[in-house]
PDB file of N, CA and C in Angstrom:
ATOM      1  N   MET A   1     -48.970  72.324 -73.193  1.00  0.00           N
ATOM      2  CA  MET A   1     -48.737  73.183 -74.326  1.00  0.00           C
ATOM      3  C   MET A   1     -47.880  72.466 -75.380  1.00  0.00           C
ATOM      4  N   ILE A   2     -46.763  71.828 -74.993  1.00  0.00           N
ATOM      5  CA  ILE A   2     -45.897  71.135 -75.933  1.00  0.00           C
ATOM      6  C   ILE A   2     -46.080  69.633 -75.764  1.00  0.00           C
ATOM      7  N   SER A   3     -46.311  68.956 -76.898  1.00  0.00           N
ATOM      8  CA  SER A   3     -46.485  67.509 -76.885  1.00  0.00           C
ATOM      9  C   SER A   3     -45.157  66.797 -77.135  1.00  0.00           C
ATOM     10  N   GLU A   4     -44.389  67.289 -78.108  1.00  0.00           N
ATOM     11  CA  GLU A   4     -43.113  66.674 -78.448  1.00  0.00           C
ATOM     12  C   GLU A   4     -42.081  67.753 -78.747  1.00  0.00           C
ATOM     13  N   LEU A   5     -40.826  67.423 -78.476  1.00  0.00           N
ATOM     14  CA  LEU A   5     -39.720  68.322 -78.762  1.00  0.00           C
ATOM     15  C   LEU A   5     -38.571  67.465 -79.271  1.00  0.00           C
ATOM     16  N   ARG A   6     -38.024  67.813 -80.455  1.00  0.00           N
ATOM     17  CA  ARG A   6     -36.939  67.012 -81.031  1.00  0.00           C
ATOM     18  C   ARG A   6     -35.826  67.925 -81.530  1.00  0.00           C
ATOM     19  N   LEU A   7     -34.613  67.456 -81.406  1.00  0.00           N
ATOM     20  CA  LEU A   7     -33.451  68.130 -81.966  1.00  0.00           C
ATOM     21  C   LEU A   7     -32.722  67.097 -82.811  1.00  0.00           C
ATOM     22  N   THR A   8     -32.542  67.391 -84.091  1.00  0.00           N
ATOM     23  CA  THR A   8     -31.867  66.474 -84.994  1.00  0.00           C
ATOM     24  C   THR A   8     -30.584  67.115 -85.484  1.00  0.00           C
ATOM     25  N   VAL A   9     -29.488  66.412 -85.298  1.00  0.00           N
ATOM     26  CA  VAL A   9     -28.190  66.876 -85.780  1.00  0.00           C
ATOM     27  C   VAL A   9     -27.560  65.713 -86.532  1.00  0.00           C
ATOM     28  N   ASP A  10     -27.394  65.883 -87.839  1.00  0.00           N
ATOM     29  CA  ASP A  10     -26.703  64.877 -88.636  1.00  0.00           C
ATOM     30  C   ASP A  10     -25.840  65.605 -89.663  1.00  0.00           C
ATOM     31  N   PRO A  11     -25.052  64.901 -90.460  1.00  0.00           N
ATOM     32  CA  PRO A  11     -24.141  65.578 -91.389  1.00  0.00           C
ATOM     33  C   PRO A  11     -24.844  66.486 -92.405  1.00  0.00           C
ATOM     34  N   ASP A  12     -26.100  66.186 -92.739  1.00  0.00           N
ATOM     35  CA  ASP A  12     -26.790  66.954 -93.770  1.00  0.00           C
ATOM     36  C   ASP A  12     -27.623  68.116 -93.244  1.00  0.00           C
ATOM     37  N   THR A  13     -28.126  67.995 -92.038  1.00  0.00           N
ATOM     38  CA  THR A  13     -29.047  69.022 -91.545  1.00  0.00           C
ATOM     39  C   THR A  13     -29.071  69.077 -90.023  1.00  0.00           C
ATOM     40  N   GLU A  14     -29.382  70.254 -89.527  1.00  0.00           N
ATOM     41  CA  GLU A  14     -29.648  70.441 -88.107  1.00  0.00           C
ATOM     42  C   GLU A  14     -31.027  71.079 -88.018  1.00  0.00           C
ATOM     43  N   ARG A  15     -31.891  70.487 -87.202  1.00  0.00           N
ATOM     44  CA  ARG A  15     -33.239  71.047 -87.093  1.00  0.00           C
ATOM     45  C   ARG A  15     -33.786  70.863 -85.690  1.00  0.00           C
ATOM     46  N   PHE A  16     -34.702  71.746 -85.370  1.00  0.00           N
ATOM     47  CA  PHE A  16     -35.365  71.785 -84.077  1.00  0.00           C
ATOM     48  C   PHE A  16     -36.848  71.671 -84.365  1.00  0.00           C
ATOM     49  N   GLU A  17     -37.517  70.679 -83.785  1.00  0.00           N
ATOM     50  CA  GLU A  17     -38.936  70.445 -84.059  1.00  0.00           C
ATOM     51  C   GLU A  17     -39.761  70.517 -82.778  1.00  0.00           C
ATOM     52  N   VAL A  18     -40.907  71.172 -82.874  1.00  0.00           N
ATOM     53  CA  VAL A  18     -41.843  71.272 -81.760  1.00  0.00           C
ATOM     54  C   VAL A  18     -43.219  70.859 -82.267  1.00  0.00           C
ATOM     55  N   VAL A  19     -43.894  69.981 -81.523  1.00  0.00           N
ATOM     56  CA  VAL A  19     -45.281  69.620 -81.812  1.00  0.00           C
ATOM     57  C   VAL A  19     -46.095  70.040 -80.599  1.00  0.00           C
ATOM     58  N   PHE A  20     -47.107  70.847 -80.854  1.00  0.00           N
ATOM     59  CA  PHE A  20     -47.947  71.348 -79.772  1.00  0.00           C
ATOM     60  C   PHE A  20     -49.137  70.413 -79.561  1.00  0.00           C
ATOM     61  N   ARG A  21     -49.744  70.492 -78.412  1.00  0.00           N
ATOM     62  CA  ARG A  21     -50.864  69.596 -78.065  1.00  0.00           C
ATOM     63  C   ARG A  21     -52.041  69.706 -79.020  1.00  0.00           C
ATOM     64  N   ASP A  22     -52.220  70.890 -79.627  1.00  0.00           N
ATOM     65  CA  ASP A  22     -53.346  71.066 -80.559  1.00  0.00           C
ATOM     66  C   ASP A  22     -53.053  70.522 -81.952  1.00  0.00           C
ATOM     67  N   GLY A  23     -51.860  69.911 -82.133  1.00  0.00           N
ATOM     68  CA  GLY A  23     -51.508  69.335 -83.423  1.00  0.00           C
ATOM     69  C   GLY A  23     -50.675  70.247 -84.301  1.00  0.00           C
ATOM     70  N   GLN A  24     -50.606  71.530 -83.968  1.00  0.00           N
ATOM     71  CA  GLN A  24     -49.759  72.451 -84.723  1.00  0.00           C
ATOM     72  C   GLN A  24     -48.304  72.051 -84.521  1.00  0.00           C
ATOM     73  N   GLY A  25     -47.479  72.323 -85.505  1.00  0.00           N
ATOM     74  CA  GLY A  25     -46.073  71.997 -85.389  1.00  0.00           C
ATOM     75  C   GLY A  25     -45.197  73.088 -85.968  1.00  0.00           C
ATOM     76  N   MET A  26     -43.926  73.060 -85.609  1.00  0.00           N
ATOM     77  CA  MET A  26     -42.965  74.006 -86.142  1.00  0.00           C
ATOM     78  C   MET A  26     -41.615  73.302 -86.226  1.00  0.00           C
ATOM     79  N   THR A  27     -40.943  73.457 -87.365  1.00  0.00           N
ATOM     80  CA  THR A  27     -39.603  72.936 -87.546  1.00  0.00           C
ATOM     81  C   THR A  27     -38.710  74.077 -88.003  1.00  0.00           C
ATOM     82  N   LEU A  28     -37.601  74.269 -87.327  1.00  0.00           N
ATOM     83  CA  LEU A  28     -36.600  75.264 -87.720  1.00  0.00           C
ATOM     84  C   LEU A  28     -35.376  74.526 -88.238  1.00  0.00           C
ATOM     85  N   PHE A  29     -34.976  74.830 -89.465  1.00  0.00           N
ATOM     86  CA  PHE A  29     -33.749  74.302 -90.025  1.00  0.00           C
ATOM     87  C   PHE A  29     -32.664  75.325 -89.741  1.00  0.00           C
ATOM     88  N   VAL A  30     -31.660  74.935 -88.966  1.00  0.00           N
ATOM     89  CA  VAL A  30     -30.655  75.845 -88.436  1.00  0.00           C
ATOM     90  C   VAL A  30     -29.536  76.094 -89.446  1.00  0.00           C
ATOM     91  N   ASP A  31     -29.043  77.328 -89.485  1.00  0.00           N
ATOM     92  CA  ASP A  31     -27.905  77.702 -90.319  1.00  0.00           C
ATOM     93  C   ASP A  31     -26.654  77.046 -89.728  1.00  0.00           C
ATOM     94  N   PRO A  32     -25.962  76.180 -90.484  1.00  0.00           N
ATOM     95  CA  PRO A  32     -24.799  75.491 -89.917  1.00  0.00           C
ATOM     96  C   PRO A  32     -23.646  76.433 -89.561  1.00  0.00           C
ATOM     97  N   ASP A  33     -23.610  77.616 -90.186  1.00  0.00           N
ATOM     98  CA  ASP A  33     -22.556  78.588 -89.893  1.00  0.00           C
ATOM     99  C   ASP A  33     -22.882  79.467 -88.696  1.00  0.00           C
ATOM    100  N   ASP A  34     -24.165  79.573 -88.348  1.00  0.00           N
ATOM    101  CA  ASP A  34     -24.581  80.402 -87.215  1.00  0.00           C
ATOM    102  C   ASP A  34     -25.829  79.786 -86.593  1.00  0.00           C
ATOM    103  N   PRO A  35     -25.678  78.964 -85.555  1.00  0.00           N
ATOM    104  CA  PRO A  35     -26.821  78.262 -84.970  1.00  0.00           C
ATOM    105  C   PRO A  35     -27.866  79.172 -84.333  1.00  0.00           C
ATOM    106  N   ALA A  36     -27.584  80.469 -84.227  1.00  0.00           N
ATOM    107  CA  ALA A  36     -28.577  81.405 -83.713  1.00  0.00           C
ATOM    108  C   ALA A  36     -29.522  81.871 -84.820  1.00  0.00           C
ATOM    109  N   LYS A  37     -29.255  81.464 -86.073  1.00  0.00           N
ATOM    110  CA  LYS A  37     -30.093  81.847 -87.221  1.00  0.00           C
ATOM    111  C   LYS A  37     -30.704  80.599 -87.849  1.00  0.00           C
ATOM    112  N   PHE A  38     -31.802  80.803 -88.553  1.00  0.00           N
ATOM    113  CA  PHE A  38     -32.409  79.673 -89.240  1.00  0.00           C
ATOM    114  C   PHE A  38     -32.368  79.877 -90.743  1.00  0.00           C
ATOM    115  N   ILE A  39     -32.385  78.769 -91.462  1.00  0.00           N
ATOM    116  CA  ILE A  39     -32.422  78.798 -92.921  1.00  0.00           C
ATOM    117  C   ILE A  39     -33.873  78.779 -93.389  1.00  0.00           C
ATOM    118  N   GLN A  40     -34.689  77.974 -92.701  1.00  0.00           N
ATOM    119  CA  GLN A  40     -36.083  77.804 -93.097  1.00  0.00           C
ATOM    120  C   GLN A  40     -36.913  77.413 -91.880  1.00  0.00           C
ATOM    121  N   LYS A  41     -38.150  77.922 -91.844  1.00  0.00           N
ATOM    122  CA  LYS A  41     -39.091  77.577 -90.776  1.00  0.00           C
ATOM    123  C   LYS A  41     -40.345  77.017 -91.434  1.00  0.00           C
ATOM    124  N   VAL A  42     -40.756  75.842 -90.985  1.00  0.00           N
ATOM    125  CA  VAL A  42     -41.985  75.225 -91.478  1.00  0.00           C
ATOM    126  C   VAL A  42     -42.933  75.133 -90.297  1.00  0.00           C
ATOM    127  N   SER A  43     -44.161  75.649 -90.472  1.00  0.00           N
ATOM    128  CA  SER A  43     -45.116  75.608 -89.369  1.00  0.00           C
ATOM    129  C   SER A  43     -46.509  75.338 -89.899  1.00  0.00           C
ATOM    130  N   GLY A  44     -47.368  74.840 -89.023  1.00  0.00           N
ATOM    131  CA  GLY A  44     -48.751  74.575 -89.385  1.00  0.00           C
ATOM    132  C   GLY A  44     -49.208  73.227 -88.877  1.00  0.00           C
ATOM    133  N   LYS A  45     -50.298  72.778 -89.476  1.00  0.00           N
ATOM    134  CA  LYS A  45     -50.913  71.505 -89.111  1.00  0.00           C
ATOM    135  C   LYS A  45     -51.368  70.844 -90.401  1.00  0.00           C
ATOM    136  N   ALA A  46     -51.062  69.558 -90.560  1.00  0.00           N
ATOM    137  CA  ALA A  46     -51.395  68.841 -91.789  1.00  0.00           C
ATOM    138  C   ALA A  46     -52.868  69.030 -92.130  1.00  0.00           C
ATOM    139  N   PRO A  47     -53.179  69.277 -93.354  1.00  0.00           N
ATOM    140  CA  PRO A  47     -52.344  69.276 -94.549  1.00  0.00           C
ATOM    141  C   PRO A  47     -51.833  70.666 -94.944  1.00  0.00           C
ATOM    142  N   GLU A  48     -52.022  71.681 -94.125  1.00  0.00           N
ATOM    143  CA  GLU A  48     -51.640  73.050 -94.500  1.00  0.00           C
ATOM    144  C   GLU A  48     -50.430  73.508 -93.709  1.00  0.00           C
ATOM    145  N   PHE A  49     -49.390  73.899 -94.442  1.00  0.00           N
ATOM    146  CA  PHE A  49     -48.163  74.366 -93.815  1.00  0.00           C
ATOM    147  C   PHE A  49     -47.715  75.677 -94.442  1.00  0.00           C
ATOM    148  N   GLU A  50     -46.924  76.422 -93.701  1.00  0.00           N
ATOM    149  CA  GLU A  50     -46.330  77.653 -94.194  1.00  0.00           C
ATOM    150  C   GLU A  50     -44.823  77.495 -94.095  1.00  0.00           C
ATOM    151  N   VAL A  51     -44.124  77.796 -95.192  1.00  0.00           N
ATOM    152  CA  VAL A  51     -42.672  77.702 -95.230  1.00  0.00           C
ATOM    153  C   VAL A  51     -42.119  79.114 -95.316  1.00  0.00           C
ATOM    154  N   LEU A  52     -41.296  79.486 -94.349  1.00  0.00           N
ATOM    155  CA  LEU A  52     -40.683  80.814 -94.288  1.00  0.00           C
ATOM    156  C   LEU A  52     -39.185  80.654 -94.459  1.00  0.00           C
ATOM    157  N   SER A  53     -38.632  81.300 -95.486  1.00  0.00           N
ATOM    158  CA  SER A  53     -37.184  81.289 -95.702  1.00  0.00           C
ATOM    159  C   SER A  53     -36.546  82.407 -94.907  1.00  0.00           C
ATOM    160  N   ALA A  54     -35.249  82.298 -94.678  1.00  0.00           N
ATOM    161  CA  ALA A  54     -34.516  83.321 -93.917  1.00  0.00           C
ATOM    162  C   ALA A  54     -34.600  84.685 -94.593  1.00  0.00           C
ATOM    163  N   ASP A  55     -34.808  84.711 -95.914  1.00  0.00           N
ATOM    164  CA  ASP A  55     -34.915  85.988 -96.632  1.00  0.00           C
ATOM    165  C   ASP A  55     -36.312  86.595 -96.544  1.00  0.00           C
ATOM    166  N   GLY A  56     -37.228  85.914 -95.856  1.00  0.00           N
ATOM    167  CA  GLY A  56     -38.577  86.440 -95.653  1.00  0.00           C
ATOM    168  C   GLY A  56     -39.614  85.936 -96.638  1.00  0.00           C
ATOM    169  N   ALA A  57     -39.203  85.145 -97.630  1.00  0.00           N
ATOM    170  CA  ALA A  57     -40.154  84.598 -98.602  1.00  0.00           C
ATOM    171  C   ALA A  57     -41.039  83.553 -97.916  1.00  0.00           C
ATOM    172  N   ILE A  58     -42.341  83.608 -98.231  1.00  0.00           N
ATOM    173  CA  ILE A  58     -43.308  82.685 -97.634  1.00  0.00           C
ATOM    174  C   ILE A  58     -43.977  81.858 -98.726  1.00  0.00           C
ATOM    175  N   ILE A  59     -44.063  80.554 -98.488  1.00  0.00           N
ATOM    176  CA  ILE A  59     -44.781  79.645 -99.382  1.00  0.00           C
ATOM    177  C   ILE A  59     -45.789  78.909 -98.525  1.00  0.00           C
ATOM    178  N   ARG A  60     -47.028  78.843 -98.984  1.00  0.00           N
ATOM    179  CA  ARG A  60     -48.058  78.095 -98.263  1.00  0.00           C
ATOM    180  C   ARG A  60     -48.285  76.771 -98.973  1.00  0.00           C
ATOM    181  N   LEU A  61     -48.271  75.692 -98.202  1.00  0.00           N
ATOM    182  CA  LEU A  61     -48.468  74.351 -98.748  1.00  0.00           C
ATOM    183  C   LEU A  61     -49.748  73.764 -98.198  1.00  0.00           C
ATOM    184  N   PRO A  62     -50.519  72.997 -98.906  1.00  0.00           N
ATOM    185  CA  PRO A  62     -50.219  72.646-100.279  1.00  0.00           C
ATOM    186  C   PRO A  62     -50.468  73.832-101.197  1.00  0.00           C
ATOM    187  N   VAL A  63     -49.723  73.868-102.282  1.00  0.00           N
ATOM    188  CA  VAL A  63     -49.897  74.927-103.269  1.00  0.00           C
ATOM    189  C   VAL A  63     -51.241  74.708-103.934  1.00  0.00           C
ATOM    190  N   ASP A  64     -52.002  75.786-104.066  1.00  0.00           N
ATOM    191  CA  ASP A  64     -53.318  75.678-104.700  1.00  0.00           C
ATOM    192  C   ASP A  64     -53.171  75.161-106.125  1.00  0.00           C
ATOM    193  N   GLU A  65     -54.106  74.298-106.498  1.00  0.00           N
ATOM    194  CA  GLU A  65     -54.142  73.808-107.865  1.00  0.00           C
ATOM    195  C   GLU A  65     -54.550  74.959-108.784  1.00  0.00           C
ATOM    196  N   PRO A  66     -54.003  74.998-109.993  1.00  0.00           N
ATOM    197  CA  PRO A  66     -54.413  76.059-110.919  1.00  0.00           C
ATOM    198  C   PRO A  66     -55.894  75.946-111.252  1.00  0.00           C
ATOM    199  N   ASP A  67     -56.517  77.093-111.424  1.00  0.00           N
ATOM    200  CA  ASP A  67     -57.933  77.149-111.771  1.00  0.00           C
ATOM    201  C   ASP A  67     -58.081  76.676-113.231  1.00  0.00           C
ATOM    202  N   PRO A  68     -58.823  75.572-113.459  1.00  0.00           N
ATOM    203  CA  PRO A  68     -58.931  75.048-114.826  1.00  0.00           C
ATOM    204  C   PRO A  68     -59.624  76.023-115.778  1.00  0.00           C
ATOM    205  N   GLY A  69     -60.405  76.953-115.267  1.00  0.00           N
ATOM    206  CA  GLY A  69     -61.078  77.931-116.122  1.00  0.00           C
ATOM    207  C   GLY A  69     -60.246  79.171-116.395  1.00  0.00           C
ATOM    208  N   LYS A  70     -59.101  79.285-115.750  1.00  0.00           N
ATOM    209  CA  LYS A  70     -58.249  80.468-115.904  1.00  0.00           C
ATOM    210  C   LYS A  70     -57.297  80.271-117.068  1.00  0.00           C
ATOM    211  N   ILE A  71     -57.191  81.288-117.897  1.00  0.00           N
ATOM    212  CA  ILE A  71     -56.267  81.263-119.032  1.00  0.00           C
ATOM    213  C   ILE A  71     -55.108  82.180-118.705  1.00  0.00           C
ATOM    214  N   ASP A  72     -53.886  81.619-118.771  1.00  0.00           N
ATOM    215  CA  ASP A  72     -52.681  82.430-118.494  1.00  0.00           C
ATOM    216  C   ASP A  72     -52.197  83.141-119.724  1.00  0.00           C
TER     217      ASP A  72
END
């Protein structure tokens, strides 16, 4: 089920990374003030990822290119 498991702790960031056998991955960026909470979660499989912030905002990457025929 799990192919790789990493824990990174350095002065700038703390993160927990999991790579599953099917190529899917998940990275949790930990809140330095409360290690039981996360600041951001990135999950998916290249080239498509989903970024979830602690406030619940979701961004899907890559961001779709603007439609050249659409007028804003």
